[in-house]
Amino acid sequence: HIKIRGKPAPSSEAPLMCCAPHSTYFDIITCFIGEGLASGVSRKENASIPLIGVLVQSTQPVLVDREDPNSRRNTIEEIKKRAQSEGAWPQVIIFPEGTCTNRSCLINFKPGAFFPGMPVQPVAIKYPNKLDTFTWTWQGPGGLKILWYTLCQFHNRLEVEFLPVYYPSEEEKSNARLYGANVRAKIAAVLNIPTTDHTFDDCMLMVAAGKSDMPMDAGLVEFQKLREKLGLKLEDMRELLKTYANIAEKQDGVIGIDDFAKHLNLPVTESLKELFSLYDRDGSGRIDFREYIIGLSVVSQPANSEETLQMAFKMFDTEGNGKISEESLTTILRNAFNMERMDITDLFKSVDTNGDGFITYDEFEVFSKVHPEYAGLFKTYQDLKQQEELAVVEEELEDLEEDSSNLEVLGTTGNGKKDD
């Protein structure tokens, strides 16, 4: 049973129709209840689904190939062409979330539908059934099972509400993300559900986390925010996730202080706790993937500069011959971080890649780039050395002041005796 609220706008008035939330392939039904048969934007794989694929192809869809690096640009150009055709093409129906969710909230809208700067008609979709057999997300039944479960129900309900056509302002025409966010807010208000800053890329990271034997929600990092603030790409996040998975506990997907220490081959000392706290932004005693990314970007990588590495190398190079011996490294790490000899030997071997018994600057630099977490410890050690040097200078100054004071006292006493 399909219940329709509102009035569908013709393509001449609203060339684009934005539907949300997107939770199942049954959402394609909305293509058939508007003003004429609307064309969909769908991933290429959907055209191959039994029965559903035939319906997809009948709508003259814009197919998206996520494996093609040029697909995004081609899709946007095709949507622009159809949206600006003045009714020559059927209305284009878009699910701007870009992936299926469980309808509990609206994730970020992809900007593709809003780049043309044309009016859109927001559409809210509901499945008010007692038993949910429709939702098709990253976890749960597959497409065929969902179809079978749904067909086994005596009664299925779908509600589609056509909202008034949304006409973008000049600012929204020049800012597709702002335009999408405002349309999303309209749909969320009608459905009375919240919005979230998670995106399709977060879903991709969730899948990657699951493949690393971690809880899938470990990959939820609000990717869009981190990309805007830190300049990271999805490929960068995936590589960082691999490193994170090697450090974190598989069961809960977070890094504890012991995991952190084990990764760095260091004992749990005050210096390590201080570094750990810089990553642990919420003070929970655990580092999640989002905190790990921010920590690397804000704490370790800025400290991992050429100047810092050169200064750290010089401090470890106690003999000043351009290379670090195991004995020099042992002396410093035992005094500074209370490391065991065996742990230092293992660390030395992992840095000394050619096995000649010495660490060159090139080996030191390569290791530091691969393990940026050490940069914070290098900085801590430098600060300790500077504090020690400052303490020595202050002690020498105090000795000089004391000697000067004694001389003054002796001079006064001598004059007194002379006057007598």
Protein backbone atom coordinates (compact mmCIF):
# COMPACT_ATOMS: atom_id res chain seq x y z
CA HIS A 1 0.00 0.00 0.00
CA ILE A 2 1.48 3.32 -1.11
CA LYS A 3 0.32 6.56 0.50
CA ILE A 4 1.22 9.79 -1.27
CA ARG A 5 1.25 13.22 0.35
CA GLY A 6 1.89 16.49 -1.43
CA LYS A 7 1.96 17.12 -5.14
CA PRO A 8 4.71 15.99 -7.53
CA ALA A 9 6.12 18.89 -9.56
CA PRO A 10 6.67 18.59 -13.33
CA SER A 11 10.21 18.44 -14.68
CA SER A 12 9.82 21.91 -16.19
CA GLU A 13 9.41 23.33 -12.68
CA ALA A 14 11.75 20.99 -10.76
CA PRO A 15 14.10 19.05 -13.07
CA LEU A 16 15.58 17.25 -10.06
CA MET A 17 13.83 15.28 -7.32
CA CYS A 18 15.87 14.55 -4.14
CA CYS A 19 14.63 11.60 -2.09
CA ALA A 20 15.71 10.60 1.41
CA PRO A 21 16.39 8.60 3.42
CA HIS A 22 17.72 5.97 1.03
CA SER A 23 17.45 2.58 2.75
CA THR A 24 16.54 -0.05 0.16
CA TYR A 25 16.30 -0.82 -3.54
CA PHE A 26 12.52 -0.65 -3.12
CA ASP A 27 12.99 3.13 -3.11
CA ILE A 28 13.01 2.90 -6.90
CA ILE A 29 9.20 2.81 -6.67
CA THR A 30 9.32 6.60 -6.28
CA CYS A 31 10.41 6.81 -9.93
CA PHE A 32 6.95 5.62 -10.96
CA ILE A 33 4.71 7.85 -8.81
CA GLY A 34 5.84 11.32 -9.82
CA GLU A 35 4.89 13.44 -12.84
CA GLY A 36 5.70 10.83 -15.49
CA LEU A 37 8.45 8.23 -15.31
CA ALA A 38 11.52 9.74 -13.65
CA SER A 39 15.09 8.79 -14.46
CA GLY A 40 17.19 7.52 -11.57
CA VAL A 41 20.84 7.90 -10.60
CA SER A 42 22.05 4.52 -9.52
CA ARG A 43 25.26 2.55 -9.17
CA LYS A 44 26.06 0.39 -12.16
CA GLU A 45 25.68 -2.85 -10.18
CA ASN A 46 21.98 -2.20 -9.48
CA ALA A 47 21.16 -2.67 -13.16
CA SER A 48 22.20 -6.33 -12.79
CA ILE A 49 19.88 -7.20 -9.85
CA PRO A 50 17.21 -9.72 -10.88
CA LEU A 51 13.82 -8.08 -11.57
CA ILE A 52 14.91 -4.80 -9.91
CA GLY A 53 17.58 -4.30 -12.58
CA VAL A 54 14.95 -4.33 -15.35
CA LEU A 55 13.03 -1.58 -13.56
CA VAL A 56 16.22 0.45 -13.12
CA GLN A 57 17.10 0.25 -16.81
CA SER A 58 13.56 1.21 -17.87
CA THR A 59 13.97 4.65 -16.30
CA GLN A 60 16.84 5.76 -18.61
CA PRO A 61 19.11 5.99 -15.53
CA VAL A 62 22.37 7.82 -14.98
CA LEU A 63 24.58 4.89 -13.98
CA VAL A 64 27.51 5.49 -11.64
CA ASP A 65 30.61 3.29 -11.84
CA ARG A 66 32.40 3.68 -8.51
CA GLU A 67 35.48 1.89 -9.87
CA ASP A 68 35.93 4.46 -12.65
CA PRO A 69 37.97 7.48 -11.46
CA ASN A 70 36.19 9.70 -14.01
CA SER A 71 32.72 8.50 -13.08
CA ARG A 72 32.02 11.30 -10.61
CA ARG A 73 32.79 14.04 -13.13
CA ASN A 74 30.85 12.27 -15.89
CA THR A 75 27.83 11.81 -13.59
CA ILE A 76 27.76 15.48 -12.62
CA GLU A 77 27.99 16.56 -16.26
CA GLU A 78 25.16 14.23 -17.25
CA ILE A 79 22.94 15.51 -14.41
CA LYS A 80 23.69 19.11 -15.44
CA LYS A 81 22.81 18.36 -19.04
CA ARG A 82 19.48 16.79 -18.13
CA ALA A 83 18.60 19.39 -15.47
CA GLN A 84 19.19 22.27 -17.90
CA SER A 85 17.34 20.65 -20.82
CA GLU A 86 14.12 22.60 -20.07
CA GLY A 87 11.97 19.48 -19.94
CA ALA A 88 13.53 17.61 -22.87
CA TRP A 89 14.66 14.87 -20.46
CA PRO A 90 12.46 13.23 -17.81
CA GLN A 91 12.78 14.43 -14.24
CA VAL A 92 15.96 13.08 -12.60
CA ILE A 93 15.40 11.40 -9.25
CA ILE A 94 18.41 11.36 -6.92
CA PHE A 95 19.13 9.76 -3.56
CA PRO A 96 21.80 12.25 -2.46
CA GLU A 97 23.02 10.23 0.54
CA GLY A 98 24.76 7.99 -1.98
CA THR A 99 24.27 4.80 0.04
CA CYS A 100 21.65 2.91 2.01
CA THR A 101 21.16 3.66 5.71
CA ASN A 102 18.75 2.39 8.37
CA ARG A 103 16.57 5.57 8.24
CA SER A 104 17.40 6.58 11.82
CA CYS A 105 19.03 9.80 10.57
CA LEU A 106 20.10 11.58 7.38
CA ILE A 107 23.80 11.44 6.51
CA ASN A 108 25.54 14.13 4.44
CA PHE A 109 24.08 14.75 1.00
CA LYS A 110 26.52 14.41 -1.87
CA PRO A 111 26.71 17.70 -3.81
CA GLY A 112 26.22 16.19 -7.30
CA ALA A 113 22.49 16.92 -7.45
CA PHE A 114 23.03 20.53 -6.43
CA PHE A 115 25.88 21.59 -8.72
CA PRO A 116 23.49 22.57 -11.55
CA GLY A 117 21.94 25.18 -9.23
CA MET A 118 18.45 24.26 -10.48
CA PRO A 119 15.26 23.98 -8.37
CA VAL A 120 14.73 20.60 -6.72
CA GLN A 121 11.73 18.92 -5.16
CA PRO A 122 12.58 17.29 -1.80
CA VAL A 123 10.83 13.96 -1.18
CA ALA A 124 10.56 12.20 2.20
CA ILE A 125 10.25 8.39 2.23
CA LYS A 126 8.82 6.27 5.06
CA TYR A 127 8.25 2.54 5.54
CA PRO A 128 5.89 2.52 8.56
CA ASN A 129 5.70 -1.26 8.90
CA LYS A 130 5.69 -3.18 12.17
CA LEU A 131 8.27 -5.62 10.78
CA ASP A 132 11.09 -4.05 8.79
CA THR A 133 11.87 -6.29 5.82
CA PHE A 134 13.01 -3.42 3.58
CA THR A 135 16.25 -2.04 5.02
CA TRP A 136 19.30 -3.07 3.00
CA THR A 137 22.53 -1.81 4.58
CA TRP A 138 26.13 -2.91 5.00
CA GLN A 139 25.19 -5.43 7.66
CA GLY A 140 22.18 -7.72 7.61
CA PRO A 141 20.30 -9.76 5.00
CA GLY A 142 21.32 -9.62 1.35
CA GLY A 143 19.21 -8.30 -1.50
CA LEU A 144 17.49 -11.59 -2.37
CA LYS A 145 16.62 -12.35 1.26
CA ILE A 146 15.08 -8.90 1.67
CA LEU A 147 12.97 -9.45 -1.44
CA TRP A 148 11.82 -12.85 -0.15
CA TYR A 149 11.03 -11.56 3.37
CA THR A 150 9.02 -8.67 1.92
CA LEU A 151 7.02 -10.88 -0.44
CA CYS A 152 6.17 -13.10 2.54
CA GLN A 153 4.35 -10.23 4.26
CA PHE A 154 0.58 -9.90 3.83
CA HIS A 155 0.70 -6.12 3.90
CA ASN A 156 3.55 -3.63 3.22
CA ARG A 157 3.24 0.12 3.55
CA LEU A 158 5.19 2.92 1.89
CA GLU A 159 4.62 6.64 2.44
CA VAL A 160 6.01 9.21 0.00
CA GLU A 161 5.68 12.90 0.80
CA PHE A 162 6.41 15.47 -1.92
CA LEU A 163 7.60 18.70 -0.32
CA PRO A 164 7.26 22.13 -1.99
CA VAL A 165 9.82 22.83 -4.70
CA TYR A 166 13.01 24.31 -3.24
CA TYR A 167 14.39 27.30 -5.17
CA PRO A 168 18.07 27.94 -4.37
CA SER A 169 19.39 31.36 -3.41
CA GLU A 170 22.35 32.90 -5.25
CA GLU A 171 24.61 31.77 -2.41
CA GLU A 172 23.29 28.21 -2.65
CA LYS A 173 23.76 28.19 -6.44
CA SER A 174 27.45 28.92 -5.92
CA ASN A 175 27.80 26.52 -2.97
CA ALA A 176 26.45 23.04 -3.73
CA ARG A 177 27.26 21.70 -0.24
CA LEU A 178 25.28 24.49 1.42
CA TYR A 179 22.41 23.89 -0.99
CA GLY A 180 22.42 20.15 -0.19
CA ALA A 181 22.59 20.76 3.57
CA ASN A 182 19.57 23.06 3.46
CA VAL A 183 17.50 20.61 1.43
CA ARG A 184 18.50 17.84 3.82
CA ALA A 185 17.30 19.95 6.75
CA LYS A 186 13.86 20.32 5.10
CA ILE A 187 13.45 16.55 4.70
CA ALA A 188 14.77 15.80 8.21
CA ALA A 189 12.26 18.24 9.72
CA VAL A 190 9.34 16.50 7.99
CA LEU A 191 10.55 13.04 9.08
CA ASN A 192 11.43 14.30 12.58
CA ILE A 193 14.84 12.61 12.50
CA PRO A 194 18.30 14.08 13.16
CA THR A 195 21.08 14.74 10.67
CA THR A 196 24.66 13.55 10.99
CA ASP A 197 27.96 14.54 9.38
CA HIS A 198 28.77 10.97 8.34
CA THR A 199 29.08 10.23 4.63
CA PHE A 200 29.32 7.35 2.17
CA ASP A 201 33.10 7.42 2.73
CA ASP A 202 32.50 6.57 6.38
CA CYS A 203 30.63 3.50 5.16
CA MET A 204 33.63 2.53 3.06
CA LEU A 205 35.87 2.86 6.11
CA MET A 206 33.39 0.77 8.11
CA VAL A 207 33.74 -2.03 5.57
CA ALA A 208 37.55 -1.72 5.71
CA ALA A 209 37.42 -1.93 9.53
CA GLY A 210 35.32 -5.10 9.31
CA LYS A 211 37.83 -6.66 6.93
CA SER A 212 40.53 -5.92 9.52
CA ASP A 213 38.59 -7.98 12.10
CA MET A 214 37.55 -4.90 14.05
CA PRO A 215 34.05 -3.66 14.87
CA MET A 216 32.70 -1.91 11.78
CA ASP A 217 31.82 1.23 13.72
CA ALA A 218 35.56 1.71 14.40
CA GLY A 219 35.70 3.22 10.90
CA LEU A 220 33.19 5.98 11.66
CA VAL A 221 35.22 9.18 11.79
CA GLU A 222 33.02 11.88 10.20
CA PHE A 223 35.21 11.73 7.11
CA GLN A 224 33.94 14.93 5.51
CA LYS A 225 34.95 17.06 8.52
CA LEU A 226 38.41 15.50 8.72
CA ARG A 227 38.97 15.94 5.00
CA GLU A 228 38.05 19.63 5.18
CA LYS A 229 40.14 20.35 8.29
CA LEU A 230 43.14 18.05 7.76
CA GLY A 231 43.20 17.67 3.98
CA LEU A 232 43.18 13.86 4.12
CA LYS A 233 41.88 11.70 1.28
CA LEU A 234 39.99 8.43 1.54
CA GLU A 235 43.09 6.52 0.40
CA ASP A 236 45.09 8.14 3.23
CA MET A 237 42.43 7.09 5.75
CA ARG A 238 42.48 3.51 4.51
CA GLU A 239 46.26 3.29 4.95
CA LEU A 240 46.04 4.81 8.43
CA LEU A 241 43.28 2.34 9.28
CA LYS A 242 45.63 -0.55 8.43
CA THR A 243 48.25 0.83 10.83
CA TYR A 244 45.60 1.50 13.46
CA ALA A 245 44.26 -2.07 13.15
CA ASN A 246 47.75 -3.44 13.88
CA ILE A 247 47.88 -1.44 17.12
CA ALA A 248 44.32 -1.64 18.42
CA GLU A 249 42.62 -4.46 20.27
CA LYS A 250 40.57 -6.38 17.70
CA GLN A 251 37.66 -6.98 20.05
CA ASP A 252 36.75 -3.38 20.84
CA GLY A 253 38.70 -1.56 18.10
CA VAL A 254 40.42 0.98 20.36
CA ILE A 255 44.00 1.59 21.55
CA GLY A 256 44.79 1.42 25.26
CA ILE A 257 47.97 2.68 26.92
CA ASP A 258 49.44 -0.83 26.92
CA ASP A 259 48.70 -1.25 23.18
CA PHE A 260 50.31 2.13 22.53
CA ALA A 261 53.41 1.20 24.52
CA LYS A 262 53.68 -2.18 22.78
CA HIS A 263 53.49 -0.55 19.36
CA LEU A 264 56.35 1.80 20.24
CA ASN A 265 58.38 -0.89 22.07
CA LEU A 266 58.40 1.35 25.13
CA PRO A 267 57.45 0.84 28.77
CA VAL A 268 54.56 2.79 30.25
CA THR A 269 56.34 5.87 31.64
CA GLU A 270 55.20 9.40 32.46
CA SER A 271 56.56 10.60 29.11
CA LEU A 272 54.57 7.97 27.25
CA LYS A 273 51.44 8.75 29.28
CA GLU A 274 51.84 12.42 28.38
CA LEU A 275 52.09 11.57 24.67
CA PHE A 276 49.12 9.19 24.95
CA SER A 277 47.01 11.93 26.52
CA LEU A 278 47.65 14.18 23.50
CA TYR A 279 45.96 11.54 21.32
CA ASP A 280 43.25 10.70 23.87
CA ARG A 281 41.27 13.88 23.29
CA ASP A 282 38.25 12.96 25.42
CA GLY A 283 40.32 11.63 28.34
CA SER A 284 38.64 8.22 28.21
CA GLY A 285 41.90 6.31 28.57
CA ARG A 286 41.44 4.88 25.07
CA ILE A 287 42.25 6.16 21.56
CA ASP A 288 39.68 5.55 18.84
CA PHE A 289 40.45 5.76 15.12
CA ARG A 290 39.27 9.36 14.83
CA GLU A 291 41.47 10.45 17.72
CA TYR A 292 44.39 8.53 16.21
CA ILE A 293 44.04 10.38 12.88
CA ILE A 294 43.79 13.77 14.58
CA GLY A 295 46.72 12.93 16.85
CA LEU A 296 48.95 12.03 13.93
CA SER A 297 47.95 15.13 11.99
CA VAL A 298 48.05 17.64 14.83
CA VAL A 299 50.60 16.21 17.27
CA SER A 300 53.06 13.84 15.62
CA GLN A 301 53.38 14.94 12.01
CA PRO A 302 54.03 18.64 12.76
CA ALA A 303 56.68 17.55 15.29
CA ASN A 304 58.10 15.13 12.73
CA SER A 305 59.83 17.96 10.84
CA GLU A 306 63.30 17.82 9.34
CA GLU A 307 64.58 20.13 12.08
CA THR A 308 63.18 17.93 14.85
CA LEU A 309 64.61 14.76 13.31
CA GLN A 310 68.05 16.32 12.88
CA MET A 311 68.12 17.55 16.47
CA ALA A 312 66.94 14.17 17.77
CA PHE A 313 69.57 12.35 15.70
CA LYS A 314 72.33 14.60 17.02
CA MET A 315 71.28 13.90 20.60
CA PHE A 316 71.35 10.14 20.02
CA ASP A 317 74.64 10.46 18.12
CA THR A 318 76.66 10.95 21.31
CA GLU A 319 79.98 10.29 19.56
CA GLY A 320 79.30 12.86 16.86
CA ASN A 321 80.36 10.60 13.99
CA GLY A 322 77.11 10.72 12.02
CA LYS A 323 75.75 7.38 13.23
CA ILE A 324 74.08 5.97 16.33
CA SER A 325 75.49 2.93 18.08
CA GLU A 326 73.34 0.53 20.06
CA GLU A 327 75.24 1.50 23.22
CA SER A 328 74.45 5.20 22.73
CA LEU A 329 70.77 4.44 22.08
CA THR A 330 70.64 2.17 25.12
CA THR A 331 72.12 4.77 27.44
CA ILE A 332 69.68 7.48 26.39
CA LEU A 333 66.51 5.37 26.25
CA ARG A 334 67.19 3.69 29.59
CA ASN A 335 67.78 7.04 31.29
CA ALA A 336 64.95 8.90 29.57
CA PHE A 337 62.23 6.25 29.25
CA ASN A 338 63.38 3.43 31.54
CA MET A 339 63.42 0.91 28.69
CA GLU A 340 64.65 -2.65 29.09
CA ARG A 341 67.82 -3.69 27.27
CA MET A 342 65.99 -6.37 25.27
CA ASP A 343 63.35 -3.88 24.08
CA ILE A 344 66.06 -1.44 23.01
CA THR A 345 67.85 -4.18 21.07
CA ASP A 346 64.66 -5.06 19.20
CA LEU A 347 64.04 -1.39 18.44
CA PHE A 348 67.61 -0.89 17.26
CA LYS A 349 67.37 -3.84 14.88
CA SER A 350 64.13 -2.55 13.38
CA VAL A 351 65.78 0.82 12.63
CA ASP A 352 69.14 -0.59 11.50
CA THR A 353 67.74 -2.00 8.26
CA ASN A 354 71.07 -2.98 6.70
CA GLY A 355 72.26 -4.71 9.89
CA ASP A 356 75.70 -3.04 10.02
CA GLY A 357 75.42 -2.31 13.75
CA PHE A 358 74.83 1.43 13.34
CA ILE A 359 71.88 3.69 12.58
CA THR A 360 72.51 6.28 9.90
CA TYR A 361 70.46 9.44 9.53
CA ASP A 362 68.72 8.03 6.44
CA GLU A 363 67.63 4.93 8.39
CA PHE A 364 66.57 7.12 11.32
CA GLU A 365 64.51 9.37 9.02
CA VAL A 366 62.79 6.48 7.22
CA PHE A 367 61.83 4.84 10.53
CA SER A 368 60.50 8.14 11.91
CA LYS A 369 58.33 8.72 8.84
CA VAL A 370 56.85 5.21 9.09
CA HIS A 371 56.35 5.55 12.87
CA PRO A 372 55.36 9.22 13.31
CA GLU A 373 54.21 8.57 16.89
CA TYR A 374 57.88 8.70 17.97
CA ALA A 375 58.07 12.37 16.99
CA GLY A 376 56.24 13.34 20.17
CA LEU A 377 58.75 11.37 22.23
CA PHE A 378 61.67 13.00 20.42
CA LYS A 379 60.16 16.37 21.29
CA THR A 380 59.69 15.27 24.90
CA TYR A 381 63.30 14.16 25.09
CA GLN A 382 64.48 17.46 23.61
CA ASP A 383 62.44 19.36 26.19
CA LEU A 384 63.94 17.23 28.97
CA LYS A 385 67.45 17.93 27.71
CA GLN A 386 66.74 21.65 27.50
CA GLN A 387 65.33 21.61 31.03
CA GLU A 388 68.43 19.77 32.28
CA GLU A 389 70.74 22.23 30.52
CA LEU A 390 68.73 25.15 31.89
CA ALA A 391 68.91 23.65 35.39
CA VAL A 392 72.71 23.34 35.09
CA VAL A 393 73.02 26.96 33.96
CA GLU A 394 70.79 28.16 36.80
CA GLU A 395 72.84 26.15 39.30
CA GLU A 396 76.06 27.68 37.96
CA LEU A 397 74.54 31.16 38.23
CA GLU A 398 73.49 30.48 41.81
CA ASP A 399 77.05 29.33 42.61
CA LEU A 400 78.45 32.52 41.06
CA GLU A 401 76.02 34.68 43.06
CA GLU A 402 76.96 32.81 46.25
CA ASP A 403 80.68 33.27 45.55
CA SER A 404 80.13 36.95 44.83
CA SER A 405 78.21 37.35 48.08
CA ASN A 406 80.99 35.65 50.04
CA LEU A 407 83.57 37.97 48.51
CA GLU A 408 81.53 41.02 49.51
CA VAL A 409 81.26 39.74 53.07
CA LEU A 410 85.00 39.05 53.23
CA GLY A 411 85.75 42.50 51.83
CA THR A 412 83.62 44.23 54.47
CA THR A 413 85.18 42.23 57.29
CA GLY A 414 88.69 43.03 56.09
CA ASN A 415 88.01 46.77 55.93
CA GLY A 416 86.62 46.70 59.43
CA LYS A 417 89.77 45.06 60.75
CA LYS A 418 91.93 47.53 58.87
CA ASP A 419 90.09 50.52 60.40
CA ASP A 420 90.69 49.03 63.84
